Amino acid sequence: MAETPAPKKAPARKKPAAPRKPKAAAVAVAAAEAPKAKFAKAIEDAKAGVQTLKTEAQAKAEVYREKAAATGGELLDEAKAIGNQARERAAELAVEGKAKASDAIAGIGQIVAENAPAIDEKLGPKYGDYARSAARTMQETAAKLEAKDLNELGDDAKEFVRKKPGLAVGLAAVAGFMIARLFKKSDS
């Protein structure tokens, strides 16, 4: 028998591929590009906003800097004027203080001189003479103090401190203690 040729198999047909949608790919790419573009635009807008804010802040800072400089100049002038007033007032008070100190020393000298005869009677003429000598010295000191101006008194004080710094510190401590006691009493 002859072999019969086998029937030929029909080539297997492939299933037709789903039709490509070229539009869909383009739409997908376009859809992916749209958010990127929006994001890039948002970044650019943000940068522009930051730049605008920076410019505005610099302008405001310049305005405040100018105001501060003007105010500082005014305050400096005001402080100088107040300093001059304080200096004048301090000079007035120093003159008043010098006059009061001179009057007080002269008054104490006068009291000592008036009490010298009583000292002669009670303690003897030797102690009365000491009292009269002390009274004269106090009155002379008061006259010298009254005759000197404040600059001379300042120079004398400086010279005294240079010559006798220990005594100057001691006198300053005693004076400070006495002033503190006066203020302490006035508080109560």
N, C-alpha and C. Protein backbone atom coordinates (compact mmCIF):
# COMPACT_ATOMS: atom_id res chain seq x y z
N MET A 1 0.78 -1.08 0.00
CA MET A 1 0.00 0.00 0.00
C MET A 1 0.85 1.17 0.00
N ALA A 2 0.37 1.73 -0.70
CA ALA A 2 1.11 2.96 -0.78
C ALA A 2 0.66 3.89 0.33
N GLU A 3 1.61 4.42 0.61
CA GLU A 3 1.27 5.32 1.71
C GLU A 3 0.62 6.53 1.13
N THR A 4 -0.29 6.83 1.79
CA THR A 4 -0.97 8.03 1.38
C THR A 4 -0.38 9.17 2.18
N PRO A 5 -0.21 10.07 1.39
CA PRO A 5 0.37 11.18 2.14
C PRO A 5 -0.62 11.64 3.21
N ALA A 6 -0.01 11.99 4.25
CA ALA A 6 -0.84 12.46 5.36
C ALA A 6 -1.39 13.83 5.03
N PRO A 7 -2.53 13.95 5.42
CA PRO A 7 -3.10 15.25 5.10
C PRO A 7 -2.26 16.34 5.77
N LYS A 8 -2.11 17.32 5.08
CA LYS A 8 -1.29 18.44 5.60
C LYS A 8 -2.09 19.18 6.67
N LYS A 9 -1.36 19.39 7.61
CA LYS A 9 -2.02 20.13 8.68
C LYS A 9 -2.02 21.59 8.28
N ALA A 10 -3.07 22.12 8.52
CA ALA A 10 -3.15 23.53 8.20
C ALA A 10 -2.34 24.29 9.23
N PRO A 11 -1.62 25.20 8.71
CA PRO A 11 -0.81 25.92 9.68
C PRO A 11 -1.72 26.54 10.75
N ALA A 12 -1.21 26.49 11.96
CA ALA A 12 -2.01 27.02 13.05
C ALA A 12 -2.07 28.53 12.91
N ARG A 13 -3.20 28.89 13.01
CA ARG A 13 -3.38 30.35 12.89
C ARG A 13 -3.18 30.99 14.25
N LYS A 14 -2.48 32.02 14.18
CA LYS A 14 -2.30 32.77 15.42
C LYS A 14 -3.54 33.61 15.64
N LYS A 15 -3.77 33.75 16.88
CA LYS A 15 -4.92 34.58 17.19
C LYS A 15 -4.55 35.99 16.79
N PRO A 16 -5.48 36.59 16.21
CA PRO A 16 -5.16 37.96 15.82
C PRO A 16 -4.88 38.79 17.07
N ALA A 17 -3.82 39.54 17.02
CA ALA A 17 -3.46 40.39 18.15
C ALA A 17 -4.51 41.46 18.31
N ALA A 18 -4.65 41.80 19.52
CA ALA A 18 -5.63 42.85 19.77
C ALA A 18 -5.17 44.08 19.01
N PRO A 19 -6.05 44.72 18.46
CA PRO A 19 -5.64 45.88 17.68
C PRO A 19 -4.95 46.90 18.58
N ARG A 20 -3.83 47.35 18.13
CA ARG A 20 -3.08 48.34 18.90
C ARG A 20 -3.79 49.67 18.86
N LYS A 21 -3.68 50.25 19.99
CA LYS A 21 -4.30 51.56 20.04
C LYS A 21 -3.18 52.58 20.15
N PRO A 22 -2.72 53.05 19.04
CA PRO A 22 -1.64 54.02 19.10
C PRO A 22 -2.06 55.26 19.86
N LYS A 23 -3.25 55.58 19.88
CA LYS A 23 -3.73 56.75 20.58
C LYS A 23 -3.56 56.57 22.08
N ALA A 24 -3.81 55.39 22.56
CA ALA A 24 -3.75 55.12 23.99
C ALA A 24 -2.34 55.33 24.51
N ALA A 25 -1.32 54.92 23.78
CA ALA A 25 0.07 55.10 24.20
C ALA A 25 0.41 56.59 24.25
N ALA A 26 -0.02 57.29 23.24
CA ALA A 26 0.26 58.73 23.20
C ALA A 26 -0.46 59.43 24.33
N VAL A 27 -1.68 58.98 24.61
CA VAL A 27 -2.45 59.58 25.68
C VAL A 27 -1.76 59.28 27.02
N ALA A 28 -1.25 58.05 27.17
CA ALA A 28 -0.58 57.67 28.41
C ALA A 28 0.67 58.51 28.61
N VAL A 29 1.45 58.70 27.55
CA VAL A 29 2.65 59.51 27.64
C VAL A 29 2.27 60.95 27.94
N ALA A 30 1.25 61.42 27.23
CA ALA A 30 0.80 62.79 27.46
C ALA A 30 0.27 62.94 28.89
N ALA A 31 -0.43 61.90 29.36
CA ALA A 31 -0.96 61.95 30.72
C ALA A 31 0.16 61.96 31.74
N ALA A 32 1.25 61.27 31.47
CA ALA A 32 2.40 61.25 32.37
C ALA A 32 3.15 62.58 32.29
N GLU A 33 3.19 63.19 31.15
CA GLU A 33 3.90 64.45 30.95
C GLU A 33 3.15 65.61 31.60
N ALA A 34 1.86 65.58 31.63
CA ALA A 34 1.06 66.68 32.17
C ALA A 34 1.38 66.94 33.64
N PRO A 35 1.44 65.96 34.53
CA PRO A 35 1.78 66.25 35.92
C PRO A 35 3.21 66.79 36.06
N LYS A 36 4.12 66.27 35.25
CA LYS A 36 5.49 66.76 35.30
C LYS A 36 5.54 68.24 34.92
N ALA A 37 4.80 68.58 33.88
CA ALA A 37 4.77 69.97 33.44
C ALA A 37 4.14 70.85 34.52
N LYS A 38 3.07 70.35 35.12
CA LYS A 38 2.42 71.11 36.18
C LYS A 38 3.36 71.28 37.37
N PHE A 39 4.08 70.22 37.72
CA PHE A 39 5.02 70.29 38.83
C PHE A 39 6.15 71.28 38.52
N ALA A 40 6.69 71.22 37.31
CA ALA A 40 7.75 72.14 36.91
C ALA A 40 7.25 73.58 36.96
N LYS A 41 6.02 73.80 36.50
CA LYS A 41 5.44 75.14 36.53
C LYS A 41 5.26 75.60 37.97
N ALA A 42 4.81 74.67 38.84
CA ALA A 42 4.63 75.02 40.26
C ALA A 42 5.97 75.39 40.89
N ILE A 43 7.02 74.65 40.54
CA ILE A 43 8.36 74.96 41.06
C ILE A 43 8.79 76.35 40.59
N GLU A 44 8.59 76.63 39.32
CA GLU A 44 8.97 77.94 38.79
C GLU A 44 8.18 79.04 39.48
N ASP A 45 6.87 78.80 39.70
CA ASP A 45 6.04 79.79 40.39
C ASP A 45 6.54 79.99 41.82
N ALA A 46 6.90 78.91 42.47
CA ALA A 46 7.41 78.99 43.85
C ALA A 46 8.71 79.79 43.88
N LYS A 47 9.61 79.52 42.93
CA LYS A 47 10.87 80.26 42.88
C LYS A 47 10.60 81.75 42.65
N ALA A 48 9.67 82.04 41.77
CA ALA A 48 9.33 83.44 41.50
C ALA A 48 8.73 84.08 42.74
N GLY A 49 7.90 83.34 43.46
CA GLY A 49 7.31 83.85 44.70
C GLY A 49 8.37 84.11 45.75
N VAL A 50 9.31 83.19 45.88
CA VAL A 50 10.40 83.36 46.84
C VAL A 50 11.21 84.60 46.48
N GLN A 51 11.49 84.77 45.23
CA GLN A 51 12.26 85.93 44.79
C GLN A 51 11.50 87.23 45.10
N THR A 52 10.20 87.22 44.86
CA THR A 52 9.38 88.40 45.15
C THR A 52 9.40 88.69 46.65
N LEU A 53 9.21 87.64 47.46
CA LEU A 53 9.23 87.82 48.91
C LEU A 53 10.60 88.33 49.39
N LYS A 54 11.65 87.80 48.79
CA LYS A 54 12.99 88.22 49.16
C LYS A 54 13.18 89.70 48.84
N THR A 55 12.74 90.12 47.68
CA THR A 55 12.85 91.52 47.28
C THR A 55 12.05 92.42 48.23
N GLU A 56 10.82 91.98 48.55
CA GLU A 56 9.99 92.75 49.47
C GLU A 56 10.64 92.82 50.85
N ALA A 57 11.18 91.72 51.32
CA ALA A 57 11.83 91.68 52.63
C ALA A 57 13.04 92.60 52.65
N GLN A 58 13.82 92.60 51.58
CA GLN A 58 14.99 93.48 51.52
C GLN A 58 14.56 94.95 51.53
N ALA A 59 13.48 95.25 50.82
CA ALA A 59 12.98 96.63 50.79
C ALA A 59 12.51 97.06 52.19
N LYS A 60 11.78 96.16 52.86
CA LYS A 60 11.30 96.48 54.22
C LYS A 60 12.49 96.62 55.17
N ALA A 61 13.47 95.74 55.03
CA ALA A 61 14.64 95.81 55.89
C ALA A 61 15.37 97.13 55.69
N GLU A 62 15.46 97.59 54.47
CA GLU A 62 16.12 98.86 54.19
C GLU A 62 15.35 100.01 54.83
N VAL A 63 14.02 99.96 54.74
CA VAL A 63 13.20 101.00 55.37
C VAL A 63 13.43 101.00 56.88
N TYR A 64 13.42 99.82 57.49
CA TYR A 64 13.64 99.73 58.93
C TYR A 64 15.05 100.16 59.31
N ARG A 65 16.02 99.83 58.48
CA ARG A 65 17.40 100.24 58.73
C ARG A 65 17.50 101.76 58.73
N GLU A 66 16.84 102.40 57.76
CA GLU A 66 16.86 103.86 57.69
C GLU A 66 16.17 104.47 58.91
N LYS A 67 15.03 103.87 59.29
CA LYS A 67 14.32 104.37 60.48
C LYS A 67 15.19 104.22 61.72
N ALA A 68 15.86 103.08 61.84
CA ALA A 68 16.72 102.84 63.00
C ALA A 68 17.87 103.83 63.03
N ALA A 69 18.45 104.10 61.88
CA ALA A 69 19.56 105.06 61.82
C ALA A 69 19.07 106.44 62.22
N ALA A 70 17.91 106.83 61.71
CA ALA A 70 17.37 108.15 62.06
C ALA A 70 17.03 108.21 63.55
N THR A 71 16.40 107.17 64.04
CA THR A 71 16.04 107.12 65.45
C THR A 71 17.29 107.10 66.32
N GLY A 72 18.29 106.34 65.89
CA GLY A 72 19.55 106.29 66.65
C GLY A 72 20.20 107.65 66.72
N GLY A 73 20.18 108.37 65.62
CA GLY A 73 20.76 109.72 65.61
C GLY A 73 19.99 110.65 66.54
N GLU A 74 18.65 110.54 66.51
CA GLU A 74 17.83 111.36 67.39
C GLU A 74 18.10 111.01 68.86
N LEU A 75 18.19 109.71 69.13
CA LEU A 75 18.44 109.28 70.50
C LEU A 75 19.82 109.74 70.98
N LEU A 76 20.80 109.69 70.09
CA LEU A 76 22.14 110.15 70.45
C LEU A 76 22.12 111.65 70.77
N ASP A 77 21.44 112.42 69.94
CA ASP A 77 21.34 113.86 70.20
C ASP A 77 20.62 114.12 71.53
N GLU A 78 19.55 113.34 71.75
CA GLU A 78 18.79 113.47 73.00
C GLU A 78 19.66 113.12 74.21
N ALA A 79 20.44 112.05 74.07
CA ALA A 79 21.32 111.63 75.17
C ALA A 79 22.38 112.69 75.44
N LYS A 80 22.91 113.30 74.40
CA LYS A 80 23.90 114.37 74.59
C LYS A 80 23.28 115.55 75.32
N ALA A 81 22.05 115.90 74.93
CA ALA A 81 21.37 117.01 75.59
C ALA A 81 21.12 116.70 77.07
N ILE A 82 20.68 115.49 77.33
CA ILE A 82 20.43 115.08 78.72
C ILE A 82 21.75 115.06 79.50
N GLY A 83 22.82 114.59 78.87
CA GLY A 83 24.13 114.59 79.52
C GLY A 83 24.58 116.00 79.87
N ASN A 84 24.35 116.94 78.95
CA ASN A 84 24.72 118.33 79.22
C ASN A 84 23.89 118.90 80.37
N GLN A 85 22.60 118.58 80.37
CA GLN A 85 21.74 119.05 81.47
C GLN A 85 22.20 118.45 82.80
N ALA A 86 22.55 117.16 82.76
CA ALA A 86 23.01 116.50 83.99
C ALA A 86 24.31 117.12 84.47
N ARG A 87 25.21 117.43 83.54
CA ARG A 87 26.48 118.05 83.90
C ARG A 87 26.24 119.42 84.55
N GLU A 88 25.33 120.20 83.94
CA GLU A 88 25.02 121.52 84.50
C GLU A 88 24.39 121.39 85.88
N ARG A 89 23.47 120.43 86.01
CA ARG A 89 22.81 120.24 87.30
C ARG A 89 23.81 119.76 88.35
N ALA A 90 24.71 118.87 87.96
CA ALA A 90 25.73 118.38 88.89
C ALA A 90 26.63 119.54 89.35
N ALA A 91 26.97 120.44 88.43
CA ALA A 91 27.79 121.60 88.79
C ALA A 91 27.04 122.49 89.77
N GLU A 92 25.74 122.69 89.52
CA GLU A 92 24.94 123.49 90.44
C GLU A 92 24.89 122.85 91.83
N LEU A 93 24.67 121.54 91.85
CA LEU A 93 24.61 120.83 93.12
C LEU A 93 25.96 120.85 93.84
N ALA A 94 27.04 120.77 93.08
CA ALA A 94 28.37 120.82 93.69
C ALA A 94 28.61 122.18 94.31
N VAL A 95 28.19 123.24 93.64
CA VAL A 95 28.36 124.59 94.19
C VAL A 95 27.53 124.72 95.47
N GLU A 96 26.29 124.21 95.42
CA GLU A 96 25.44 124.25 96.61
C GLU A 96 26.06 123.44 97.74
N GLY A 97 26.57 122.26 97.41
CA GLY A 97 27.19 121.41 98.41
C GLY A 97 28.42 122.06 99.02
N LYS A 98 29.21 122.71 98.17
CA LYS A 98 30.40 123.41 98.67
C LYS A 98 30.00 124.52 99.63
N ALA A 99 28.96 125.27 99.29
CA ALA A 99 28.50 126.36 100.16
C ALA A 99 27.97 125.80 101.48
N LYS A 100 27.21 124.71 101.40
CA LYS A 100 26.68 124.10 102.64
C LYS A 100 27.80 123.55 103.51
N ALA A 101 28.79 122.91 102.89
CA ALA A 101 29.91 122.37 103.66
C ALA A 101 30.69 123.49 104.32
N SER A 102 30.92 124.56 103.58
CA SER A 102 31.65 125.70 104.12
C SER A 102 30.88 126.32 105.29
N ASP A 103 29.59 126.48 105.11
CA ASP A 103 28.76 127.03 106.19
C ASP A 103 28.76 126.11 107.41
N ALA A 104 28.69 124.80 107.17
CA ALA A 104 28.68 123.85 108.29
C ALA A 104 29.99 123.89 109.05
N ILE A 105 31.11 123.95 108.34
CA ILE A 105 32.41 124.00 109.02
C ILE A 105 32.54 125.30 109.80
N ALA A 106 32.11 126.41 109.18
CA ALA A 106 32.18 127.70 109.87
C ALA A 106 31.27 127.68 111.10
N GLY A 107 30.10 127.07 110.98
CA GLY A 107 29.17 126.99 112.11
C GLY A 107 29.74 126.16 113.24
N ILE A 108 30.35 125.06 112.93
CA ILE A 108 30.97 124.23 113.98
C ILE A 108 32.11 125.00 114.64
N GLY A 109 32.91 125.70 113.81
CA GLY A 109 34.00 126.53 114.36
C GLY A 109 33.46 127.59 115.30
N GLN A 110 32.35 128.20 114.92
CA GLN A 110 31.73 129.23 115.75
C GLN A 110 31.25 128.65 117.07
N ILE A 111 30.64 127.46 117.00
CA ILE A 111 30.16 126.80 118.23
C ILE A 111 31.33 126.46 119.15
N VAL A 112 32.40 125.95 118.57
CA VAL A 112 33.58 125.61 119.38
C VAL A 112 34.15 126.87 120.01
N ALA A 113 34.24 127.97 119.24
CA ALA A 113 34.78 129.23 119.77
C ALA A 113 33.91 129.76 120.90
N GLU A 114 32.60 129.65 120.75
CA GLU A 114 31.69 130.13 121.79
C GLU A 114 31.79 129.29 123.07
N ASN A 115 32.12 128.02 122.91
CA ASN A 115 32.22 127.13 124.07
C ASN A 115 33.62 127.11 124.69
N ALA A 116 34.57 127.81 124.11
CA ALA A 116 35.94 127.83 124.63
C ALA A 116 36.00 128.36 126.07
N PRO A 117 35.29 129.44 126.42
CA PRO A 117 35.34 129.90 127.82
C PRO A 117 34.81 128.85 128.81
N ALA A 118 33.79 128.14 128.39
CA ALA A 118 33.26 127.09 129.27
C ALA A 118 34.27 125.97 129.42
N ILE A 119 35.00 125.68 128.37
CA ILE A 119 36.04 124.65 128.44
C ILE A 119 37.16 125.11 129.36
N ASP A 120 37.49 126.43 129.31
CA ASP A 120 38.51 126.98 130.21
C ASP A 120 38.12 126.74 131.67
N GLU A 121 36.86 126.99 131.98
CA GLU A 121 36.40 126.85 133.36
C GLU A 121 36.38 125.40 133.82
N LYS A 122 35.91 124.52 132.95
CA LYS A 122 35.72 123.12 133.36
C LYS A 122 36.99 122.29 133.26
N LEU A 123 37.77 122.47 132.18
CA LEU A 123 38.93 121.61 131.94
C LEU A 123 40.26 122.32 132.10
N GLY A 124 40.24 123.62 132.07
CA GLY A 124 41.48 124.37 132.22
C GLY A 124 41.78 125.17 130.97
N PRO A 125 42.63 126.21 131.12
CA PRO A 125 42.93 127.10 129.99
C PRO A 125 43.66 126.41 128.84
N LYS A 126 44.42 125.39 129.16
CA LYS A 126 45.14 124.67 128.09
C LYS A 126 44.16 124.07 127.10
N TYR A 127 43.09 123.43 127.58
CA TYR A 127 42.10 122.83 126.70
C TYR A 127 41.23 123.89 126.02
N GLY A 128 41.02 125.00 126.68
CA GLY A 128 40.30 126.12 126.08
C GLY A 128 41.06 126.67 124.88
N ASP A 129 42.42 126.75 125.03
CA ASP A 129 43.25 127.22 123.92
C ASP A 129 43.19 126.25 122.73
N TYR A 130 43.15 124.96 123.04
CA TYR A 130 42.99 123.96 121.96
C TYR A 130 41.66 124.18 121.23
N ALA A 131 40.64 124.46 121.98
CA ALA A 131 39.32 124.69 121.39
C ALA A 131 39.34 125.94 120.51
N ARG A 132 39.98 127.02 121.02
CA ARG A 132 40.05 128.26 120.22
C ARG A 132 40.88 128.03 118.96
N SER A 133 41.97 127.30 119.08
CA SER A 133 42.82 127.00 117.91
C SER A 133 42.04 126.16 116.90
N ALA A 134 41.31 125.18 117.38
CA ALA A 134 40.50 124.35 116.48
C ALA A 134 39.41 125.18 115.82
N ALA A 135 38.81 126.10 116.56
CA ALA A 135 37.77 126.97 115.99
C ALA A 135 38.35 127.86 114.89
N ARG A 136 39.53 128.44 115.13
CA ARG A 136 40.17 129.28 114.11
C ARG A 136 40.49 128.47 112.86
N THR A 137 41.03 127.25 113.06
CA THR A 137 41.37 126.39 111.93
C THR A 137 40.13 126.03 111.13
N MET A 138 39.03 125.75 111.81
CA MET A 138 37.79 125.42 111.10
C MET A 138 37.28 126.62 110.32
N GLN A 139 37.34 127.79 110.90
CA GLN A 139 36.85 128.97 110.20
C GLN A 139 37.75 129.32 109.01
N GLU A 140 39.06 129.15 109.18
CA GLU A 140 39.98 129.38 108.05
C GLU A 140 39.73 128.37 106.93
N THR A 141 39.51 127.11 107.32
CA THR A 141 39.23 126.08 106.32
C THR A 141 37.93 126.39 105.58
N ALA A 142 36.93 126.85 106.31
CA ALA A 142 35.65 127.22 105.67
C ALA A 142 35.86 128.37 104.69
N ALA A 143 36.68 129.34 105.07
CA ALA A 143 36.94 130.48 104.18
C ALA A 143 37.70 130.02 102.93
N LYS A 144 38.70 129.15 103.11
CA LYS A 144 39.44 128.62 101.96
C LYS A 144 38.51 127.82 101.04
N LEU A 145 37.68 127.02 101.62
CA LEU A 145 36.74 126.20 100.83
C LEU A 145 35.80 127.10 100.04
N GLU A 146 35.32 128.15 100.68
CA GLU A 146 34.41 129.08 100.00
C GLU A 146 35.12 129.81 98.86
N ALA A 147 36.40 130.12 99.05
CA ALA A 147 37.15 130.89 98.05
C ALA A 147 37.53 130.07 96.82
N LYS A 148 37.65 128.77 96.96
CA LYS A 148 38.10 127.93 95.83
C LYS A 148 36.92 127.57 94.93
N ASP A 149 37.25 127.43 93.63
CA ASP A 149 36.21 126.94 92.72
C ASP A 149 36.28 125.42 92.64
N LEU A 150 35.33 124.84 91.95
CA LEU A 150 35.21 123.37 91.93
C LEU A 150 36.42 122.70 91.28
N ASN A 151 36.98 123.29 90.26
CA ASN A 151 38.16 122.69 89.60
C ASN A 151 39.35 122.62 90.55
N GLU A 152 39.54 123.69 91.32
CA GLU A 152 40.64 123.69 92.29
C GLU A 152 40.41 122.63 93.37
N LEU A 153 39.17 122.51 93.81
CA LEU A 153 38.85 121.50 94.81
C LEU A 153 39.09 120.09 94.26
N GLY A 154 38.73 119.87 92.99
CA GLY A 154 38.99 118.58 92.36
C GLY A 154 40.47 118.29 92.26
N ASP A 155 41.25 119.30 91.89
CA ASP A 155 42.71 119.13 91.81
C ASP A 155 43.30 118.84 93.19
N ASP A 156 42.79 119.55 94.20
CA ASP A 156 43.27 119.31 95.57
C ASP A 156 42.95 117.89 96.01
N ALA A 157 41.76 117.44 95.68
CA ALA A 157 41.37 116.07 96.06
C ALA A 157 42.26 115.05 95.36
N LYS A 158 42.55 115.26 94.08
CA LYS A 158 43.43 114.34 93.36
C LYS A 158 44.82 114.32 93.98
N GLU A 159 45.32 115.47 94.32
CA GLU A 159 46.65 115.57 94.93
C GLU A 159 46.68 114.86 96.29
N PHE A 160 45.61 115.04 97.06
CA PHE A 160 45.52 114.37 98.36
C PHE A 160 45.53 112.86 98.20
N VAL A 161 44.77 112.37 97.22
CA VAL A 161 44.71 110.92 96.99
C VAL A 161 46.07 110.40 96.54
N ARG A 162 46.78 111.18 95.72
CA ARG A 162 48.11 110.75 95.28
C ARG A 162 49.09 110.68 96.45
N LYS A 163 49.02 111.65 97.31
CA LYS A 163 49.97 111.71 98.43
C LYS A 163 49.63 110.70 99.52
N LYS A 164 48.34 110.53 99.80
CA LYS A 164 47.91 109.67 100.91
C LYS A 164 46.77 108.76 100.47
N PRO A 165 47.07 107.75 99.66
CA PRO A 165 45.99 106.90 99.14
C PRO A 165 45.28 106.09 100.24
N GLY A 166 46.01 105.64 101.22
CA GLY A 166 45.40 104.85 102.30
C GLY A 166 44.38 105.68 103.08
N LEU A 167 44.76 106.90 103.44
CA LEU A 167 43.87 107.78 104.16
C LEU A 167 42.65 108.13 103.30
N ALA A 168 42.88 108.34 102.00
CA ALA A 168 41.78 108.66 101.08
C ALA A 168 40.77 107.52 101.02
N VAL A 169 41.28 106.30 100.95
CA VAL A 169 40.38 105.14 100.92
C VAL A 169 39.61 105.04 102.23
N GLY A 170 40.28 105.26 103.34
CA GLY A 170 39.62 105.22 104.64
C GLY A 170 38.54 106.28 104.76
N LEU A 171 38.85 107.51 104.34
CA LEU A 171 37.85 108.57 104.38
C LEU A 171 36.68 108.26 103.46
N ALA A 172 36.96 107.70 102.29
CA ALA A 172 35.88 107.34 101.37
C ALA A 172 35.00 106.27 101.98
N ALA A 173 35.60 105.30 102.67
CA ALA A 173 34.82 104.25 103.32
C ALA A 173 33.94 104.83 104.41
N VAL A 174 34.50 105.72 105.23
CA VAL A 174 33.71 106.35 106.30
C VAL A 174 32.58 107.18 105.70
N ALA A 175 32.89 107.94 104.67
CA ALA A 175 31.85 108.76 104.02
C ALA A 175 30.77 107.87 103.43
N GLY A 176 31.16 106.79 102.79
CA GLY A 176 30.18 105.86 102.22
C GLY A 176 29.30 105.25 103.29
N PHE A 177 29.92 104.89 104.42
CA PHE A 177 29.15 104.33 105.54
C PHE A 177 28.14 105.35 106.06
N MET A 178 28.59 106.58 106.21
CA MET A 178 27.69 107.63 106.73
C MET A 178 26.56 107.91 105.75
N ILE A 179 26.85 107.95 104.47
CA ILE A 179 25.81 108.18 103.47
C ILE A 179 24.82 107.03 103.46
N ALA A 180 25.34 105.80 103.56
CA ALA A 180 24.45 104.63 103.60
C ALA A 180 23.54 104.71 104.82
N ARG A 181 24.08 105.12 105.96
CA ARG A 181 23.26 105.24 107.17
C ARG A 181 22.18 106.32 106.99
N LEU A 182 22.55 107.42 106.35
CA LEU A 182 21.56 108.48 106.11
C LEU A 182 20.42 107.98 105.23
N PHE A 183 20.76 107.27 104.15
CA PHE A 183 19.73 106.76 103.25
C PHE A 183 18.93 105.65 103.92
N LYS A 184 19.57 104.87 104.74
CA LYS A 184 18.87 103.80 105.44
C LYS A 184 17.84 104.39 106.40
N LYS A 185 18.19 105.47 107.08
CA LYS A 185 17.25 106.12 107.98
C LYS A 185 16.11 106.77 107.22
N SER A 186 16.40 107.35 106.06
CA SER A 186 15.35 108.01 105.29
C SER A 186 14.37 107.00 104.70
N ASP A 187 14.81 105.76 104.46
CA ASP A 187 13.89 104.73 103.96
C ASP A 187 12.88 104.33 105.01
N SER A 188 13.31 104.28 106.28
CA SER A 188 12.39 103.85 107.32
C SER A 188 11.65 105.02 107.86
